Amino acid sequence: MESVTELRVRYAETDAMGIVHHATYPVWMELGRSDFLRELGQSYAEWEARGVRLVVNEIRVRFRAPARYDELVQVRTFLRETGRRRIVFGYRIERDGVLLAEGESIHLVAGSDNRARVLPEDLLALVQRP
């Protein structure tokens, strides 16, 4: 499954050169990840209400082409790896089919006490379904 989040580049997301600042891309990835989980049938807020957190362990972004103010971009989010203790999301950020950036975020499963735990069976089934 792939989720597509479309957004318009805001002026505040650009640098002095009029190009989207590199720190914006992880924010867009988070938006895509939240939309992805919601489209699976359960929002991340619902996960947290159950005491399940996805702690960011690592984020990678490779930049290919710039995005600029007022452009429409699409954040394509998908799962690269799912397990009981770790989930890896993949991202492709595009503008009209042109790849702007690609990346991944690695998340460890934790409880509301921020201690490592395993993903409950129903959530594991949710992210592992075809």
C-alpha atoms as a PDB file:
ATOM      1  CA  MET A   1       0.000   0.000   0.000  1.00  0.00           C
ATOM      2  CA  GLU A   2       1.073   3.559  -0.683  1.00  0.00           C
ATOM      3  CA  SER A   3      -0.390   6.739   0.748  1.00  0.00           C
ATOM      4  CA  VAL A   4      -0.135  10.030  -1.154  1.00  0.00           C
ATOM      5  CA  THR A   5      -0.243  13.327   0.721  1.00  0.00           C
ATOM      6  CA  GLU A   6      -0.412  16.446  -1.423  1.00  0.00           C
ATOM      7  CA  LEU A   7       0.678  19.786  -0.037  1.00  0.00           C
ATOM      8  CA  ARG A   8       1.488  23.258  -1.273  1.00  0.00           C
ATOM      9  CA  VAL A   9       4.888  24.662  -0.327  1.00  0.00           C
ATOM     10  CA  ARG A  10       4.463  27.513   2.141  1.00  0.00           C
ATOM     11  CA  TYR A  11       6.695  30.572   2.077  1.00  0.00           C
ATOM     12  CA  ALA A  12       7.902  29.836   5.624  1.00  0.00           C
ATOM     13  CA  GLU A  13       9.317  26.504   4.387  1.00  0.00           C
ATOM     14  CA  THR A  14      11.745  28.160   1.975  1.00  0.00           C
ATOM     15  CA  ASP A  15      15.205  29.593   2.504  1.00  0.00           C
ATOM     16  CA  ALA A  16      16.693  32.870   1.266  1.00  0.00           C
ATOM     17  CA  MET A  17      17.140  31.304  -2.187  1.00  0.00           C
ATOM     18  CA  GLY A  18      13.429  30.504  -2.464  1.00  0.00           C
ATOM     19  CA  ILE A  19      14.066  26.756  -2.206  1.00  0.00           C
ATOM     20  CA  VAL A  20      12.457  24.494   0.382  1.00  0.00           C
ATOM     21  CA  HIS A  21      14.813  24.256   3.351  1.00  0.00           C
ATOM     22  CA  HIS A  22      16.249  20.788   3.962  1.00  0.00           C
ATOM     23  CA  ALA A  23      14.793  20.655   7.503  1.00  0.00           C
ATOM     24  CA  THR A  24      11.272  20.756   6.027  1.00  0.00           C
ATOM     25  CA  TYR A  25      11.476  17.320   4.420  1.00  0.00           C
ATOM     26  CA  PRO A  26      11.363  15.308   7.688  1.00  0.00           C
ATOM     27  CA  VAL A  27       8.273  17.342   8.663  1.00  0.00           C
ATOM     28  CA  TRP A  28       6.628  16.386   5.378  1.00  0.00           C
ATOM     29  CA  MET A  29       7.644  12.764   5.982  1.00  0.00           C
ATOM     30  CA  GLU A  30       5.914  12.873   9.359  1.00  0.00           C
ATOM     31  CA  LEU A  31       2.770  14.225   7.719  1.00  0.00           C
ATOM     32  CA  GLY A  32       2.901  11.414   5.166  1.00  0.00           C
ATOM     33  CA  ARG A  33       3.445   8.813   7.889  1.00  0.00           C
ATOM     34  CA  SER A  34       0.456  10.092   9.882  1.00  0.00           C
ATOM     35  CA  ASP A  35      -1.746  10.030   6.779  1.00  0.00           C
ATOM     36  CA  PHE A  36      -0.497   6.536   5.921  1.00  0.00           C
ATOM     37  CA  LEU A  37      -1.507   5.124   9.318  1.00  0.00           C
ATOM     38  CA  ARG A  38      -4.867   6.909   9.176  1.00  0.00           C
ATOM     39  CA  GLU A  39      -5.519   5.362   5.753  1.00  0.00           C
ATOM     40  CA  LEU A  40      -4.659   1.934   7.164  1.00  0.00           C
ATOM     41  CA  GLY A  41      -7.585   2.409   9.520  1.00  0.00           C
ATOM     42  CA  GLN A  42      -6.107   3.682  12.769  1.00  0.00           C
ATOM     43  CA  SER A  43      -4.493   7.054  13.391  1.00  0.00           C
ATOM     44  CA  TYR A  44      -1.215   7.483  15.224  1.00  0.00           C
ATOM     45  CA  ALA A  45      -3.189   9.347  17.925  1.00  0.00           C
ATOM     46  CA  GLU A  46      -5.131   6.119  18.474  1.00  0.00           C
ATOM     47  CA  TRP A  47      -1.863   4.182  18.778  1.00  0.00           C
ATOM     48  CA  GLU A  48      -0.615   6.628  21.397  1.00  0.00           C
ATOM     49  CA  ALA A  49      -3.927   6.442  23.302  1.00  0.00           C
ATOM     50  CA  ARG A  50      -3.250   2.695  23.587  1.00  0.00           C
ATOM     51  CA  GLY A  51       0.223   3.368  24.961  1.00  0.00           C
ATOM     52  CA  VAL A  52       2.063   2.486  21.738  1.00  0.00           C
ATOM     53  CA  ARG A  53       4.661   4.886  20.374  1.00  0.00           C
ATOM     54  CA  LEU A  54       6.887   4.784  17.323  1.00  0.00           C
ATOM     55  CA  VAL A  55      10.133   6.362  18.465  1.00  0.00           C
ATOM     56  CA  VAL A  56      12.254   7.805  15.669  1.00  0.00           C
ATOM     57  CA  ASN A  57      15.570   5.977  15.612  1.00  0.00           C
ATOM     58  CA  GLU A  58      16.932   7.258  12.318  1.00  0.00           C
ATOM     59  CA  ILE A  59      15.900   9.470   9.388  1.00  0.00           C
ATOM     60  CA  ARG A  60      17.573   9.540   5.991  1.00  0.00           C
ATOM     61  CA  VAL A  61      16.832  11.957   3.163  1.00  0.00           C
ATOM     62  CA  ARG A  62      18.504  12.111  -0.242  1.00  0.00           C
ATOM     63  CA  PHE A  63      17.821  15.279  -2.189  1.00  0.00           C
ATOM     64  CA  ARG A  64      17.395  15.082  -5.959  1.00  0.00           C
ATOM     65  CA  ALA A  65      15.816  18.365  -7.130  1.00  0.00           C
ATOM     66  CA  PRO A  66      14.584  21.534  -5.390  1.00  0.00           C
ATOM     67  CA  ALA A  67      11.014  22.382  -4.472  1.00  0.00           C
ATOM     68  CA  ARG A  68       9.981  26.030  -4.420  1.00  0.00           C
ATOM     69  CA  TYR A  69       7.352  28.268  -2.890  1.00  0.00           C
ATOM     70  CA  ASP A  70       3.742  27.655  -3.950  1.00  0.00           C
ATOM     71  CA  GLU A  71       4.468  24.401  -5.803  1.00  0.00           C
ATOM     72  CA  LEU A  72       2.266  21.373  -5.212  1.00  0.00           C
ATOM     73  CA  VAL A  73       4.258  18.392  -4.020  1.00  0.00           C
ATOM     74  CA  GLN A  74       3.255  14.828  -3.273  1.00  0.00           C
ATOM     75  CA  VAL A  75       4.646  12.809  -0.386  1.00  0.00           C
ATOM     76  CA  ARG A  76       4.371   9.114  -1.228  1.00  0.00           C
ATOM     77  CA  THR A  77       4.634   6.989   1.913  1.00  0.00           C
ATOM     78  CA  PHE A  78       4.950   3.213   2.073  1.00  0.00           C
ATOM     79  CA  LEU A  79       6.268   0.507   4.370  1.00  0.00           C
ATOM     80  CA  ARG A  80       9.722  -0.902   3.749  1.00  0.00           C
ATOM     81  CA  GLU A  81       9.882  -3.200   6.761  1.00  0.00           C
ATOM     82  CA  THR A  82       7.555  -4.227   9.553  1.00  0.00           C
ATOM     83  CA  GLY A  83       8.315  -6.222  12.632  1.00  0.00           C
ATOM     84  CA  ARG A  84       7.295  -6.596  16.241  1.00  0.00           C
ATOM     85  CA  ARG A  85       9.918  -4.111  17.458  1.00  0.00           C
ATOM     86  CA  ARG A  86      10.711  -1.951  14.432  1.00  0.00           C
ATOM     87  CA  ILE A  87       8.942  -0.328  11.490  1.00  0.00           C
ATOM     88  CA  VAL A  88      10.661   1.309   8.515  1.00  0.00           C
ATOM     89  CA  PHE A  89       8.733   3.776   6.359  1.00  0.00           C
ATOM     90  CA  GLY A  90       9.872   4.803   2.892  1.00  0.00           C
ATOM     91  CA  TYR A  91       9.142   8.139   1.203  1.00  0.00           C
ATOM     92  CA  ARG A  92       9.253   9.636  -2.272  1.00  0.00           C
ATOM     93  CA  ILE A  93       8.640  13.355  -2.471  1.00  0.00           C
ATOM     94  CA  GLU A  94       7.663  14.421  -5.983  1.00  0.00           C
ATOM     95  CA  ARG A  95       6.354  17.316  -8.032  1.00  0.00           C
ATOM     96  CA  ASP A  96       4.377  16.257 -11.105  1.00  0.00           C
ATOM     97  CA  GLY A  97       6.230  12.942 -11.251  1.00  0.00           C
ATOM     98  CA  VAL A  98       9.688  14.522 -10.785  1.00  0.00           C
ATOM     99  CA  LEU A  99      11.570  13.020  -7.837  1.00  0.00           C
ATOM    100  CA  LEU A 100      12.591  15.801  -5.433  1.00  0.00           C
ATOM    101  CA  ALA A 101      13.733  13.687  -2.484  1.00  0.00           C
ATOM    102  CA  GLU A 102      13.574  10.145  -1.219  1.00  0.00           C
ATOM    103  CA  GLY A 103      14.174   8.752   2.199  1.00  0.00           C
ATOM    104  CA  GLU A 104      13.229   6.533   5.061  1.00  0.00           C
ATOM    105  CA  SER A 105      12.533   6.719   8.756  1.00  0.00           C
ATOM    106  CA  ILE A 106      13.274   3.904  11.167  1.00  0.00           C
ATOM    107  CA  HIS A 107      11.039   3.653  14.230  1.00  0.00           C
ATOM    108  CA  LEU A 108      11.350   1.522  17.343  1.00  0.00           C
ATOM    109  CA  VAL A 109       8.239   0.402  19.200  1.00  0.00           C
ATOM    110  CA  ALA A 110       7.946   1.764  22.735  1.00  0.00           C
ATOM    111  CA  GLY A 111       5.343   2.136  25.423  1.00  0.00           C
ATOM    112  CA  SER A 112       4.090   5.383  26.931  1.00  0.00           C
ATOM    113  CA  ASP A 113       6.975   5.072  29.419  1.00  0.00           C
ATOM    114  CA  ASN A 114       9.364   5.215  26.402  1.00  0.00           C
ATOM    115  CA  ARG A 115      10.669   1.732  27.160  1.00  0.00           C
ATOM    116  CA  ALA A 116      11.028  -0.791  24.350  1.00  0.00           C
ATOM    117  CA  ARG A 117       8.102  -3.117  23.795  1.00  0.00           C
ATOM    118  CA  VAL A 118       6.599  -5.259  21.075  1.00  0.00           C
ATOM    119  CA  LEU A 119       3.835  -4.152  18.768  1.00  0.00           C
ATOM    120  CA  PRO A 120       0.446  -5.577  19.800  1.00  0.00           C
ATOM    121  CA  GLU A 121      -0.781  -8.359  17.502  1.00  0.00           C
ATOM    122  CA  ASP A 122      -3.656  -6.343  16.002  1.00  0.00           C
ATOM    123  CA  LEU A 123      -1.376  -3.410  15.090  1.00  0.00           C
ATOM    124  CA  LEU A 124       1.235  -5.772  13.688  1.00  0.00           C
ATOM    125  CA  ALA A 125      -1.470  -7.378  11.524  1.00  0.00           C
ATOM    126  CA  LEU A 126      -2.621  -3.911  10.447  1.00  0.00           C
ATOM    127  CA  VAL A 127       0.819  -2.882   9.140  1.00  0.00           C
ATOM    128  CA  GLN A 128       1.633  -6.297   7.684  1.00  0.00           C
ATOM    129  CA  ARG A 129      -1.552  -6.775   5.680  1.00  0.00           C
ATOM    130  CA  PRO A 130      -1.050  -6.941   1.907  1.00  0.00           C
END
